[in-house]
Each structure stands twice: as C-alpha cells, then as structure tokens.
C-alpha atoms as a PDB file:
ATOM      1  CA  MET A   1      59.999  -3.210 -43.445  1.00  0.00           C
ATOM      2  CA  ASP A   2      56.732  -5.644 -44.593  1.00  0.00           C
ATOM      3  CA  GLU A   3      53.642  -5.684 -43.016  1.00  0.00           C
ATOM      4  CA  GLY A   4      54.106  -8.310 -40.491  1.00  0.00           C
ATOM      5  CA  ASN A   5      57.009  -6.289 -38.421  1.00  0.00           C
ATOM      6  CA  ILE A   6      54.739  -3.051 -39.083  1.00  0.00           C
ATOM      7  CA  ALA A   7      51.580  -4.922 -37.199  1.00  0.00           C
ATOM      8  CA  ASP A   8      54.073  -5.919 -34.498  1.00  0.00           C
ATOM      9  CA  GLN A   9      55.023  -2.491 -33.569  1.00  0.00           C
ATOM     10  CA  ASN A  10      51.864  -1.279 -33.327  1.00  0.00           C
ATOM     11  CA  PRO A  11      50.170  -1.324 -29.795  1.00  0.00           C
ATOM     12  CA  LYS A  12      46.296  -0.616 -31.476  1.00  0.00           C
ATOM     13  CA  THR A  13      46.649  -3.534 -33.890  1.00  0.00           C
ATOM     14  CA  ASP A  14      48.003  -5.606 -31.212  1.00  0.00           C
ATOM     15  CA  HIS A  15      45.194  -4.507 -28.995  1.00  0.00           C
ATOM     16  CA  ARG A  16      42.739  -5.206 -31.519  1.00  0.00           C
ATOM     17  CA  ASN A  17      44.118  -8.517 -32.159  1.00  0.00           C
ATOM     18  CA  ILE A  18      43.932  -9.421 -28.466  1.00  0.00           C
ATOM     19  CA  ILE A  19      40.327  -8.340 -28.473  1.00  0.00           C
ATOM     20  CA  LYS A  20      39.615 -10.099 -31.360  1.00  0.00           C
ATOM     21  CA  TYR A  21      41.232 -13.567 -29.859  1.00  0.00           C
ATOM     22  CA  SER A  22      39.241 -13.207 -26.694  1.00  0.00           C
ATOM     23  CA  ASP A  23      36.044 -12.464 -28.866  1.00  0.00           C
ATOM     24  CA  TRP A  24      36.272 -15.443 -30.638  1.00  0.00           C
ATOM     25  CA  LEU A  25      36.923 -17.497 -27.604  1.00  0.00           C
ATOM     26  CA  ASP A  26      34.644 -16.494 -25.069  1.00  0.00           C
ATOM     27  CA  THR A  27      31.685 -14.096 -27.084  1.00  0.00           C
ATOM     28  CA  LYS A  28      31.642 -14.282 -30.696  1.00  0.00           C
ATOM     29  CA  PHE A  29      28.103 -15.855 -30.740  1.00  0.00           C
ATOM     30  CA  LYS A  30      24.934 -15.380 -29.255  1.00  0.00           C
ATOM     31  CA  ILE A  31      22.019 -17.591 -28.135  1.00  0.00           C
ATOM     32  CA  PRO A  32      18.542 -16.284 -30.144  1.00  0.00           C
ATOM     33  CA  GLY A  33      16.084 -14.678 -27.499  1.00  0.00           C
ATOM     34  CA  THR A  34      18.994 -14.407 -24.965  1.00  0.00           C
ATOM     35  CA  GLY A  35      21.843 -11.951 -23.674  1.00  0.00           C
ATOM     36  CA  ILE A  36      23.703 -14.994 -23.722  1.00  0.00           C
ATOM     37  CA  ASN A  37      26.965 -15.111 -25.568  1.00  0.00           C
ATOM     38  CA  PHE A  38      29.474 -17.645 -26.107  1.00  0.00           C
ATOM     39  CA  GLY A  39      32.454 -18.681 -27.903  1.00  0.00           C
ATOM     40  CA  LEU A  40      34.760 -20.990 -29.494  1.00  0.00           C
ATOM     41  CA  ASP A  41      36.304 -21.907 -25.593  1.00  0.00           C
ATOM     42  CA  PHE A  42      32.456 -22.674 -25.125  1.00  0.00           C
ATOM     43  CA  LEU A  43      32.066 -24.793 -27.796  1.00  0.00           C
ATOM     44  CA  ILE A  44      35.272 -26.922 -28.098  1.00  0.00           C
ATOM     45  CA  GLY A  45      34.777 -27.663 -24.736  1.00  0.00           C
ATOM     46  CA  LEU A  46      31.944 -29.656 -25.048  1.00  0.00           C
ATOM     47  CA  PHE A  47      34.133 -32.190 -26.047  1.00  0.00           C
ATOM     48  CA  PRO A  48      35.458 -34.316 -22.924  1.00  0.00           C
ATOM     49  CA  VAL A  49      39.018 -34.237 -22.263  1.00  0.00           C
ATOM     50  CA  VAL A  50      40.485 -33.247 -25.922  1.00  0.00           C
ATOM     51  CA  GLY A  51      37.994 -30.189 -25.853  1.00  0.00           C
ATOM     52  CA  ASP A  52      39.324 -29.143 -22.480  1.00  0.00           C
ATOM     53  CA  VAL A  53      42.854 -29.684 -22.915  1.00  0.00           C
ATOM     54  CA  LEU A  54      42.665 -27.527 -26.391  1.00  0.00           C
ATOM     55  CA  SER A  55      40.546 -24.612 -24.366  1.00  0.00           C
ATOM     56  CA  PHE A  56      42.999 -24.646 -22.069  1.00  0.00           C
ATOM     57  CA  GLY A  57      46.041 -24.062 -24.683  1.00  0.00           C
ATOM     58  CA  LEU A  58      43.920 -21.828 -26.212  1.00  0.00           C
ATOM     59  CA  SER A  59      43.748 -19.657 -23.137  1.00  0.00           C
ATOM     60  CA  GLY A  60      47.592 -20.256 -22.978  1.00  0.00           C
ATOM     61  CA  GLY A  61      47.679 -18.596 -25.817  1.00  0.00           C
ATOM     62  CA  LEU A  62      45.872 -15.608 -25.169  1.00  0.00           C
ATOM     63  CA  LEU A  63      48.046 -15.168 -21.782  1.00  0.00           C
ATOM     64  CA  LEU A  64      51.272 -15.868 -23.870  1.00  0.00           C
ATOM     65  CA  ILE A  65      50.443 -13.118 -25.860  1.00  0.00           C
ATOM     66  CA  MET A  66      49.662 -10.692 -23.155  1.00  0.00           C
ATOM     67  CA  VAL A  67      52.704 -11.640 -21.508  1.00  0.00           C
ATOM     68  CA  LYS A  68      54.611 -10.802 -24.689  1.00  0.00           C
ATOM     69  CA  LYS A  69      52.904  -7.220 -23.788  1.00  0.00           C
ATOM     70  CA  GLY A  70      54.417  -6.802 -20.963  1.00  0.00           C
ATOM     71  CA  ALA A  71      51.206  -7.353 -18.388  1.00  0.00           C
ATOM     72  CA  SER A  72      52.525  -6.892 -14.688  1.00  0.00           C
ATOM     73  CA  GLY A  73      53.029  -9.860 -12.511  1.00  0.00           C
ATOM     74  CA  LYS A  74      49.839  -9.082 -10.608  1.00  0.00           C
ATOM     75  CA  ALA A  75      47.589  -8.732 -13.745  1.00  0.00           C
ATOM     76  CA  LEU A  76      49.111 -12.074 -14.997  1.00  0.00           C
ATOM     77  CA  SER A  77      48.809 -14.247 -11.656  1.00  0.00           C
ATOM     78  CA  LYS A  78      45.327 -12.981 -11.871  1.00  0.00           C
ATOM     79  CA  MET A  79      45.110 -14.418 -15.433  1.00  0.00           C
ATOM     80  CA  ILE A  80      46.906 -17.548 -14.679  1.00  0.00           C
ATOM     81  CA  LEU A  81      44.127 -18.103 -11.679  1.00  0.00           C
ATOM     82  CA  ASN A  82      40.993 -17.286 -14.170  1.00  0.00           C
ATOM     83  CA  ILE A  83      42.954 -20.096 -16.791  1.00  0.00           C
ATOM     84  CA  ILE A  84      43.020 -22.545 -13.813  1.00  0.00           C
ATOM     85  CA  LEU A  85      39.438 -22.545 -12.396  1.00  0.00           C
ATOM     86  CA  ASP A  86      38.045 -22.442 -16.024  1.00  0.00           C
ATOM     87  CA  ALA A  87      40.130 -25.432 -17.037  1.00  0.00           C
ATOM     88  CA  ILE A  88      39.000 -27.376 -13.357  1.00  0.00           C
ATOM     89  CA  VAL A  89      35.604 -26.323 -13.217  1.00  0.00           C
ATOM     90  CA  GLY A  90      35.262 -26.537 -17.191  1.00  0.00           C
ATOM     91  CA  SER A  91      36.592 -30.084 -17.174  1.00  0.00           C
ATOM     92  CA  ILE A  92      33.269 -31.189 -14.628  1.00  0.00           C
ATOM     93  CA  PRO A  93      30.822 -33.176 -17.236  1.00  0.00           C
ATOM     94  CA  PHE A  94      27.749 -30.931 -17.649  1.00  0.00           C
ATOM     95  CA  LEU A  95      28.402 -28.435 -14.819  1.00  0.00           C
ATOM     96  CA  GLY A  96      31.445 -27.278 -16.351  1.00  0.00           C
ATOM     97  CA  ASP A  97      29.557 -26.758 -19.622  1.00  0.00           C
ATOM     98  CA  ILE A  98      27.480 -24.334 -17.990  1.00  0.00           C
ATOM     99  CA  PHE A  99      30.427 -22.987 -15.922  1.00  0.00           C
ATOM    100  CA  ASP A 100      32.232 -22.044 -19.132  1.00  0.00           C
ATOM    101  CA  LEU A 101      28.941 -20.468 -20.643  1.00  0.00           C
ATOM    102  CA  PHE A 102      29.110 -17.849 -18.110  1.00  0.00           C
ATOM    103  CA  PHE A 103      32.571 -17.798 -16.211  1.00  0.00           C
ATOM    104  CA  LYS A 104      34.540 -16.644 -19.946  1.00  0.00           C
ATOM    105  CA  ALA A 105      38.051 -16.481 -18.698  1.00  0.00           C
ATOM    106  CA  ASN A 106      39.312 -15.380 -21.312  1.00  0.00           C
ATOM    107  CA  LYS A 107      37.018 -12.028 -21.025  1.00  0.00           C
ATOM    108  CA  ARG A 108      38.030 -11.653 -17.816  1.00  0.00           C
ATOM    109  CA  ASN A 109      41.636 -11.804 -19.028  1.00  0.00           C
ATOM    110  CA  LEU A 110      40.701  -9.029 -21.661  1.00  0.00           C
ATOM    111  CA  ASP A 111      39.236  -6.709 -18.652  1.00  0.00           C
ATOM    112  CA  LEU A 112      42.469  -7.531 -16.661  1.00  0.00           C
ATOM    113  CA  PHE A 113      44.532  -6.888 -19.600  1.00  0.00           C
ATOM    114  CA  GLN A 114      42.813  -3.302 -20.698  1.00  0.00           C
ATOM    115  CA  ALA A 115      42.609  -2.301 -17.118  1.00  0.00           C
ATOM    116  CA  HIS A 116      46.524  -2.802 -16.678  1.00  0.00           C
ATOM    117  CA  PHE A 117      47.494  -0.883 -19.648  1.00  0.00           C
ATOM    118  CA  GLU A 118      44.490   1.445 -19.996  1.00  0.00           C
ATOM    119  CA  GLU A 119      44.300   2.518 -16.320  1.00  0.00           C
ATOM    120  CA  GLY A 120      47.318   1.191 -14.560  1.00  0.00           C
ATOM    121  CA  LYS A 121      45.552  -1.169 -12.717  1.00  0.00           C
ATOM    122  CA  HIS A 122      47.106  -4.605 -11.285  1.00  0.00           C
ATOM    123  CA  GLN A 123      50.311  -3.142 -10.944  1.00  0.00           C
ATOM    124  CA  GLY A 124      53.298  -4.743  -9.062  1.00  0.00           C
ATOM    125  CA  SER A 125      54.023  -8.134  -8.228  1.00  0.00           C
ATOM    126  CA  ALA A 126      52.452 -11.136  -8.214  1.00  0.00           C
ATOM    127  CA  TRP A 127      53.784 -12.047  -4.727  1.00  0.00           C
ATOM    128  CA  PRO A 128      50.368 -11.190  -2.791  1.00  0.00           C
ATOM    129  CA  VAL A 129      48.213 -13.330  -5.253  1.00  0.00           C
ATOM    130  CA  VAL A 130      50.577 -16.400  -4.946  1.00  0.00           C
ATOM    131  CA  ILE A 131      50.853 -16.435  -0.982  1.00  0.00           C
ATOM    132  CA  THR A 132      46.960 -16.500  -1.297  1.00  0.00           C
ATOM    133  CA  VAL A 133      46.527 -19.067  -3.141  1.00  0.00           C
ATOM    134  CA  LEU A 134      49.199 -21.073  -1.427  1.00  0.00           C
ATOM    135  CA  ILE A 135      47.664 -20.359   1.996  1.00  0.00           C
ATOM    136  CA  LEU A 136      44.139 -21.403   0.378  1.00  0.00           C
ATOM    137  CA  LEU A 137      46.225 -24.671  -1.031  1.00  0.00           C
ATOM    138  CA  ILE A 138      47.190 -25.517   2.213  1.00  0.00           C
ATOM    139  CA  LEU A 139      44.354 -24.848   4.106  1.00  0.00           C
ATOM    140  CA  LEU A 140      42.909 -27.054   1.625  1.00  0.00           C
ATOM    141  CA  PHE A 141      45.146 -29.693   1.793  1.00  0.00           C
ATOM    142  CA  THR A 142      44.761 -29.935   5.574  1.00  0.00           C
ATOM    143  CA  LEU A 143      41.347 -30.250   5.505  1.00  0.00           C
ATOM    144  CA  VAL A 144      41.478 -32.988   2.974  1.00  0.00           C
ATOM    145  CA  VAL A 145      43.996 -34.830   5.221  1.00  0.00           C
ATOM    146  CA  TYR A 146      42.038 -34.035   8.355  1.00  0.00           C
ATOM    147  CA  LEU A 147      38.942 -35.758   6.603  1.00  0.00           C
ATOM    148  CA  VAL A 148      40.563 -38.830   5.231  1.00  0.00           C
ATOM    149  CA  VAL A 149      41.849 -39.073   9.136  1.00  0.00           C
ATOM    150  CA  LYS A 150      38.053 -38.911  10.038  1.00  0.00           C
ATOM    151  CA  VAL A 151      36.892 -41.284   7.338  1.00  0.00           C
ATOM    152  CA  PHE A 152      39.508 -44.020   8.149  1.00  0.00           C
ATOM    153  CA  GLU A 153      38.608 -43.671  12.058  1.00  0.00           C
ATOM    154  CA  PHE A 154      35.078 -43.983  11.263  1.00  0.00           C
ATOM    155  CA  LEU A 155      35.792 -47.027   9.199  1.00  0.00           C
ATOM    156  CA  TRP A 156      38.214 -48.172  12.030  1.00  0.00           C
ATOM    157  CA  TYR A 157      35.151 -47.805  14.936  1.00  0.00           C
ATOM    158  CA  LEU A 158      33.043 -50.112  12.192  1.00  0.00           C
ATOM    159  CA  LEU A 159      35.232 -52.672  11.803  1.00  0.00           C
ATOM    160  CA  SER A 160      36.304 -52.936  15.516  1.00  0.00           C
END
C-alpha cells in the first residue's frame, strides 16, 4: 500500500487535514496588535468577482471533503447555509470584505463538522433546515412582490 492510501484510511490524518485546510482559509494570519485572524478566503475575496467565485469554490471544496467523510444531512445543510451567506454578503463591495473578515464560514463549518463527529451533534435529516429556508425564501419573495406592487401603485398615482 502506498502512503496516500494509508492516509486516506486514517481518520485522525483526515481530521488534521480538514483543520489545516480550514485554518488556511479563515484563520492562518493575524493582524498585528489585534485579535483579528484572517486567511486566504479574505485575501482572495478582495479581488472583485473572480476572488468571490474562487473563494466560493474553495469553501465548496472543504464541504465536499466533509461530505466524503460522512457528515449528516443536517450538518451539511447548515454548512451550505454558511457558505451561501458568506458568498452573498461577501460579494458586496467593501461591506462584504469586512463581513468576510469576521464571519469565517469555513471555521464555522469546521466547528459543525467537529461537533457532528466528536459530540454527535447535528445528526439527522436536512429537511428541517431546508423547510425553514424555503419558508424564509417564500416570505422574502412575497415581501419583494408586495413592495414592487406598492412602488408601481405609487408611480401610477404620480403619473395620473
């Protein structure tokens, strides 16, 4: 057997690799004189559009590793929400960069992963999380439609 296969069969090695990957993405470097850590995710995200897409891909890569290691649907759904929130807010110029500096989706996902495997938390189906997100999206969509109707009513009032 070669070393690659031995490492693939060792859960402790896998766990250390996931920790290192997450660390490089979110907490590897420190701003001197502060308690603020940052990683490659923040640095890459400083480049508009391309950086955001690359950052999203790297976070997705970490998620795929966790999928391969058997994270539950509930844990994965929470991880996906972290990545999506990081991608959406992180894509807003300036505000998104500040958000990325403090939100650290990959560190949050690592914490979920560790809680799932070491403490048995976040077990079960993704459906409660999925249904909650769908309800929120429906409410958001309803609010947007309502606001658009009100804007058109107001414009119609001004024009008549």
